[in-house]
Amino acid sequence: LRHIQVKLLRPLQSAIAFINDNTLHTMTLKSGAHGYPELRLLRQKVASLVEEKQTAECNLEHVSQQKNLAQIKHMQMQINPHFLYNTLNSIKILADMGRSGDVSRLIYHLVHLLNACMDRSGLFVSVQKELETLRHYCAIQETVYGEAIRFEIRTNPELDSCQIPNFILQPIVENSLQHGLNQAQPDSWVRITNRIEAGALLFEISDNGIGIPPARLQQIIADMQSDAPSAHIGIRSVHRRIQLSCGMEYGIWIDSAPGKGATFVLRLPFVEKYT
């Protein structure tokens, strides 16, 4: 009985324990070559299967990471075609009017904006660089709309070195301009602020526009999690890129009511860049 326990039961118990807890190193199983030759072979086969499983899991994780990276880069480059069309059309109109100075100014800002949109150097940029990109967009709109719209960037310069996903502010500001503001209304504005709250970096983009009815707001929030066609693809793209690159606890929150404007809160991890 003692012989059976040593030669048969203990090796089997060892193999079963290993299968139940395959976080142990496979060499633990392979090196336990005691007992019957058949059991040694069984131990080695189980170890090989566990190794293959772990390798497959690592490969799957790598593929998943690469897929997420591709998704992020694809969504980053989804600049609104309507904005591009309107800007080019504005350039044509200004050129026809002989306003060469405004034409040069629009082209200058548009080139910088497109460079930022198609930047492949990394998924993250400093707050300072992101704000520079946003200022190029605002300069284009101010040239087109004149004094009808005012952009107020009131951010904390102490947060300029923080790292955030690239090209996340412009699409939200564009959404406020396109869907929230009435250009015929005097003193229309979009305000951009940032702060640290509960260990996270928050950006607030607010406007004094027409606001969003409750049913429409719920639809926008649902669209952020859907692949269905939406008029708010910019919001969805930014929300998903933040979650893919930073985690599911981050993203966009919206507060609005009819006649009271809208506020978009971008919640991001507080990541400082040390030099």
Protein backbone atom coordinates (compact mmCIF):
# COMPACT_ATOMS: atom_id res chain seq x y z
CA LEU A 1 0.00 0.00 0.00
CA ARG A 2 2.84 2.34 0.86
CA HIS A 3 4.46 1.53 -2.50
CA ILE A 4 1.24 2.34 -4.39
CA GLN A 5 0.84 5.60 -2.49
CA VAL A 6 4.37 6.75 -3.32
CA LYS A 7 4.52 5.49 -6.89
CA LEU A 8 0.97 6.20 -8.06
CA LEU A 9 -1.19 8.38 -5.84
CA ARG A 10 1.30 11.12 -5.04
CA PRO A 11 2.29 11.75 -8.68
CA LEU A 12 -1.37 11.77 -9.67
CA GLN A 13 -2.22 14.20 -6.87
CA SER A 14 0.67 16.39 -7.97
CA ALA A 15 -0.56 16.43 -11.57
CA ILE A 16 -4.15 17.18 -10.51
CA ALA A 17 -2.98 20.00 -8.24
CA PHE A 18 -0.95 21.45 -11.09
CA ILE A 19 -3.91 21.35 -13.47
CA ASN A 20 -6.09 23.09 -10.88
CA ASP A 21 -3.45 25.79 -10.38
CA ASN A 22 -1.54 26.25 -13.62
CA THR A 23 -0.01 29.48 -12.38
CA LEU A 24 2.83 27.27 -11.16
CA HIS A 25 5.79 26.98 -13.50
CA THR A 26 5.58 24.05 -15.87
CA MET A 27 9.06 22.91 -14.83
CA THR A 28 7.56 22.04 -11.45
CA LEU A 29 5.51 19.38 -13.16
CA LYS A 30 8.14 18.28 -15.63
CA SER A 31 10.84 17.85 -13.00
CA GLY A 32 8.72 15.69 -10.70
CA ALA A 33 9.74 12.51 -12.51
CA HIS A 34 9.02 9.99 -9.78
CA GLY A 35 6.85 6.88 -9.92
CA TYR A 36 5.84 4.88 -12.95
CA PRO A 37 7.22 5.85 -16.39
CA GLU A 38 3.66 6.28 -17.63
CA LEU A 39 3.03 8.86 -14.91
CA ARG A 40 6.21 10.70 -15.80
CA LEU A 41 4.98 10.84 -19.39
CA LEU A 42 1.56 12.05 -18.21
CA ARG A 43 3.17 14.79 -16.14
CA GLN A 44 5.23 15.92 -19.11
CA LYS A 45 2.22 15.90 -21.44
CA VAL A 46 0.17 17.95 -19.00
CA ALA A 47 3.06 20.38 -18.63
CA SER A 48 3.31 20.72 -22.40
CA LEU A 49 -0.42 21.37 -22.69
CA VAL A 50 -0.22 24.05 -20.01
CA GLU A 51 2.74 25.64 -21.79
CA GLU A 52 0.79 25.70 -25.06
CA LYS A 53 -2.22 27.21 -23.30
CA GLN A 54 -0.11 29.91 -21.68
CA THR A 55 1.58 30.68 -25.00
CA ALA A 56 -1.79 30.89 -26.75
CA GLU A 57 -3.10 33.23 -24.05
CA CYS A 58 -0.04 35.47 -24.43
CA ASN A 59 -0.47 35.51 -28.21
CA LEU A 60 -4.17 36.27 -27.84
CA GLU A 61 -3.41 39.12 -25.46
CA HIS A 62 -0.85 40.50 -27.91
CA VAL A 63 -3.34 40.29 -30.79
CA SER A 64 -5.96 42.01 -28.63
CA GLN A 65 -3.53 44.80 -27.77
CA GLN A 66 -2.62 45.26 -31.43
CA LYS A 67 -6.31 45.31 -32.37
CA ASN A 68 -7.00 47.97 -29.74
CA LEU A 69 -4.04 50.00 -31.00
CA ALA A 70 -5.32 49.81 -34.58
CA GLN A 71 -8.82 50.83 -33.45
CA ILE A 72 -7.46 53.80 -31.53
CA LYS A 73 -5.37 55.03 -34.47
CA HIS A 74 -8.27 54.54 -36.89
CA MET A 75 -10.68 56.52 -34.71
CA GLN A 76 -8.07 59.22 -34.11
CA MET A 77 -7.96 59.90 -37.87
CA GLN A 78 -11.74 60.23 -38.24
CA ILE A 79 -11.75 63.99 -38.74
CA ASN A 80 -15.20 65.27 -39.56
CA PRO A 81 -15.54 65.47 -43.37
CA HIS A 82 -18.14 68.23 -43.00
CA PHE A 83 -15.62 70.38 -41.16
CA LEU A 84 -13.02 69.76 -43.85
CA TYR A 85 -15.50 70.52 -46.64
CA ASN A 86 -16.72 73.70 -44.93
CA THR A 87 -13.17 74.91 -44.31
CA LEU A 88 -12.10 74.33 -47.92
CA ASN A 89 -15.28 75.99 -49.12
CA SER A 90 -14.55 78.97 -46.87
CA ILE A 91 -11.05 79.19 -48.34
CA LYS A 92 -12.56 79.27 -51.84
CA ILE A 93 -15.06 82.00 -50.89
CA LEU A 94 -12.37 84.13 -49.24
CA ALA A 95 -10.12 83.67 -52.28
CA ASP A 96 -12.96 84.80 -54.58
CA MET A 97 -13.37 87.88 -52.38
CA GLY A 98 -9.68 88.66 -52.69
CA ARG A 99 -9.03 88.19 -48.97
CA SER A 100 -5.62 86.61 -49.47
CA GLY A 101 -4.56 87.25 -45.87
CA ASP A 102 -7.49 85.25 -44.49
CA VAL A 103 -6.87 82.51 -47.08
CA SER A 104 -3.24 82.17 -45.98
CA ARG A 105 -4.31 82.15 -42.33
CA LEU A 106 -6.90 79.41 -42.86
CA ILE A 107 -4.49 77.22 -44.83
CA TYR A 108 -1.82 77.66 -42.14
CA HIS A 109 -4.14 76.56 -39.33
CA LEU A 110 -5.73 73.75 -41.38
CA VAL A 111 -2.33 72.21 -42.22
CA HIS A 112 -1.37 72.17 -38.53
CA LEU A 113 -4.72 70.66 -37.58
CA LEU A 114 -4.44 67.88 -40.17
CA ASN A 115 -0.89 67.13 -39.02
CA ALA A 116 -2.16 66.63 -35.48
CA CYS A 117 -5.05 64.45 -36.67
CA MET A 118 -2.72 62.15 -38.63
CA ASP A 119 0.14 62.18 -36.12
CA ARG A 120 1.45 58.60 -35.75
CA SER A 121 4.29 59.36 -33.33
CA GLY A 122 2.29 58.19 -30.33
CA LEU A 123 -1.15 57.78 -28.80
CA PHE A 124 -0.50 60.37 -26.11
CA VAL A 125 0.57 64.01 -26.22
CA SER A 126 1.07 66.71 -23.63
CA VAL A 127 -1.86 68.90 -22.66
CA GLN A 128 0.13 71.82 -24.04
CA LYS A 129 0.39 70.23 -27.49
CA GLU A 130 -3.28 69.23 -27.48
CA LEU A 131 -4.27 72.80 -26.64
CA GLU A 132 -2.09 74.09 -29.48
CA THR A 133 -4.02 71.82 -31.86
CA LEU A 134 -7.31 73.09 -30.45
CA ARG A 135 -6.22 76.71 -30.91
CA HIS A 136 -5.60 76.04 -34.60
CA TYR A 137 -9.18 74.78 -34.92
CA CYS A 138 -10.58 77.75 -33.00
CA ALA A 139 -8.61 80.16 -35.18
CA ILE A 140 -10.19 78.61 -38.29
CA GLN A 141 -13.70 79.03 -36.87
CA GLU A 142 -13.03 82.58 -35.72
CA THR A 143 -11.85 83.46 -39.23
CA VAL A 144 -15.01 81.93 -40.74
CA TYR A 145 -17.58 83.20 -38.21
CA GLY A 146 -15.89 86.38 -37.04
CA GLU A 147 -17.28 87.75 -33.77
CA ALA A 148 -20.40 85.54 -33.86
CA ILE A 149 -18.66 82.89 -31.73
CA ARG A 150 -16.15 83.22 -28.92
CA PHE A 151 -13.79 80.47 -27.75
CA GLU A 152 -12.49 80.70 -24.19
CA ILE A 153 -9.59 78.42 -23.26
CA ARG A 154 -9.13 78.78 -19.49
CA THR A 155 -6.88 75.89 -18.59
CA ASN A 156 -4.38 75.53 -15.75
CA PRO A 157 -0.82 75.95 -17.08
CA GLU A 158 0.48 73.73 -14.27
CA LEU A 159 -1.22 70.81 -16.04
CA ASP A 160 0.38 71.48 -19.44
CA SER A 161 2.92 68.65 -19.07
CA CYS A 162 0.26 66.01 -18.31
CA GLN A 163 -0.14 63.27 -20.91
CA ILE A 164 -3.52 62.71 -22.56
CA PRO A 165 -4.77 60.83 -25.65
CA ASN A 166 -4.08 62.72 -28.86
CA PHE A 167 -6.78 64.73 -30.64
CA ILE A 168 -9.61 64.45 -28.08
CA LEU A 169 -10.58 68.09 -27.49
CA GLN A 170 -11.22 69.34 -31.04
CA PRO A 171 -14.02 66.84 -31.87
CA ILE A 172 -15.94 67.81 -28.70
CA VAL A 173 -15.56 71.54 -29.35
CA GLU A 174 -16.68 70.93 -32.93
CA ASN A 175 -19.74 69.07 -31.67
CA SER A 176 -20.68 72.06 -29.49
CA LEU A 177 -20.29 74.38 -32.45
CA GLN A 178 -22.20 72.15 -34.87
CA HIS A 179 -25.05 70.92 -32.67
CA GLY A 180 -25.22 73.19 -29.64
CA LEU A 181 -24.72 76.78 -30.70
CA ASN A 182 -27.02 78.98 -32.71
CA GLN A 183 -24.70 81.15 -34.77
CA ALA A 184 -27.48 83.73 -35.11
CA GLN A 185 -27.56 84.16 -31.34
CA PRO A 186 -25.31 86.99 -30.12
CA ASP A 187 -22.55 86.24 -27.62
CA SER A 188 -22.30 82.51 -28.35
CA TRP A 189 -19.33 80.92 -26.63
CA VAL A 190 -17.55 77.64 -26.01
CA ARG A 191 -15.42 77.41 -22.86
CA ILE A 192 -12.64 74.89 -22.18
CA THR A 193 -11.28 74.37 -18.65
CA ASN A 194 -9.36 71.64 -16.82
CA ARG A 195 -8.64 70.61 -13.25
CA ILE A 196 -7.61 67.71 -11.03
CA GLU A 197 -10.42 66.05 -9.10
CA ALA A 198 -10.31 62.82 -7.06
CA GLY A 199 -6.97 61.87 -8.62
CA ALA A 200 -8.21 62.28 -12.21
CA LEU A 201 -7.62 64.95 -14.84
CA LEU A 202 -10.90 66.51 -15.95
CA PHE A 203 -11.54 68.63 -19.02
CA GLU A 204 -14.83 70.51 -19.21
CA ILE A 205 -16.12 71.79 -22.54
CA SER A 206 -19.26 73.86 -22.05
CA ASP A 207 -21.37 76.15 -24.23
CA ASN A 208 -24.31 78.52 -23.85
CA GLY A 209 -26.24 76.96 -26.70
CA ILE A 210 -29.69 75.50 -27.06
CA GLY A 211 -29.05 72.51 -24.80
CA ILE A 212 -30.04 68.88 -25.34
CA PRO A 213 -33.55 67.50 -24.65
CA PRO A 214 -33.55 64.53 -22.21
CA ALA A 215 -34.59 61.95 -24.80
CA ARG A 216 -31.94 63.15 -27.23
CA LEU A 217 -29.32 63.12 -24.47
CA GLN A 218 -30.12 59.50 -23.65
CA GLN A 219 -29.79 58.64 -27.34
CA ILE A 220 -26.37 60.30 -27.54
CA ILE A 221 -25.20 58.38 -24.46
CA ALA A 222 -26.48 55.12 -25.97
CA ASP A 223 -24.76 55.93 -29.29
CA MET A 224 -21.44 56.23 -27.45
CA GLN A 225 -21.60 52.48 -26.79
CA SER A 226 -23.04 51.49 -30.18
CA ASP A 227 -21.70 50.89 -33.68
CA ALA A 228 -24.86 52.17 -35.33
CA PRO A 229 -24.66 55.26 -37.59
CA SER A 230 -24.75 58.44 -35.53
CA ALA A 231 -24.60 62.19 -36.05
CA HIS A 232 -22.26 62.35 -33.05
CA ILE A 233 -19.44 60.14 -34.30
CA GLY A 234 -16.87 62.57 -32.87
CA ILE A 235 -18.15 62.10 -29.32
CA ARG A 236 -18.25 58.32 -29.71
CA SER A 237 -14.76 58.21 -31.20
CA VAL A 238 -13.24 60.24 -28.37
CA HIS A 239 -15.11 58.28 -25.68
CA ARG A 240 -13.95 54.93 -27.05
CA ARG A 241 -10.36 56.04 -27.59
CA ILE A 242 -10.17 57.23 -24.00
CA GLN A 243 -11.53 53.93 -22.69
CA LEU A 244 -9.34 51.79 -24.96
CA SER A 245 -6.16 53.67 -24.08
CA CYS A 246 -6.85 54.60 -20.43
CA GLY A 247 -9.42 52.17 -19.00
CA MET A 248 -13.17 51.72 -18.75
CA GLU A 249 -13.43 54.03 -15.72
CA TYR A 250 -12.53 56.97 -17.96
CA GLY A 251 -14.41 58.61 -20.82
CA ILE A 252 -17.04 61.28 -21.46
CA TRP A 253 -19.94 62.39 -19.27
CA ILE A 254 -22.58 64.84 -20.51
CA ASP A 255 -24.75 67.30 -18.57
CA SER A 256 -27.36 69.34 -20.41
CA ALA A 257 -30.89 70.67 -20.36
CA PRO A 258 -32.95 72.50 -22.99
CA GLY A 259 -32.10 76.19 -23.09
CA LYS A 260 -29.20 75.83 -20.64
CA GLY A 261 -26.34 74.80 -22.89
CA ALA A 262 -24.31 71.61 -22.53
CA THR A 263 -21.22 70.51 -20.63
CA PHE A 264 -19.01 67.63 -21.72
CA VAL A 265 -16.67 66.27 -19.05
CA LEU A 266 -13.67 64.25 -20.22
CA ARG A 267 -12.33 62.16 -17.34
CA LEU A 268 -8.70 61.08 -17.84
CA PRO A 269 -5.96 59.55 -15.71
CA PHE A 270 -3.65 62.10 -14.10
CA VAL A 271 -0.32 61.26 -15.75
CA GLU A 272 2.53 63.71 -15.32
CA LYS A 273 5.55 63.63 -17.58
CA TYR A 274 8.76 63.92 -15.68
CA THR A 275 11.76 65.39 -17.44
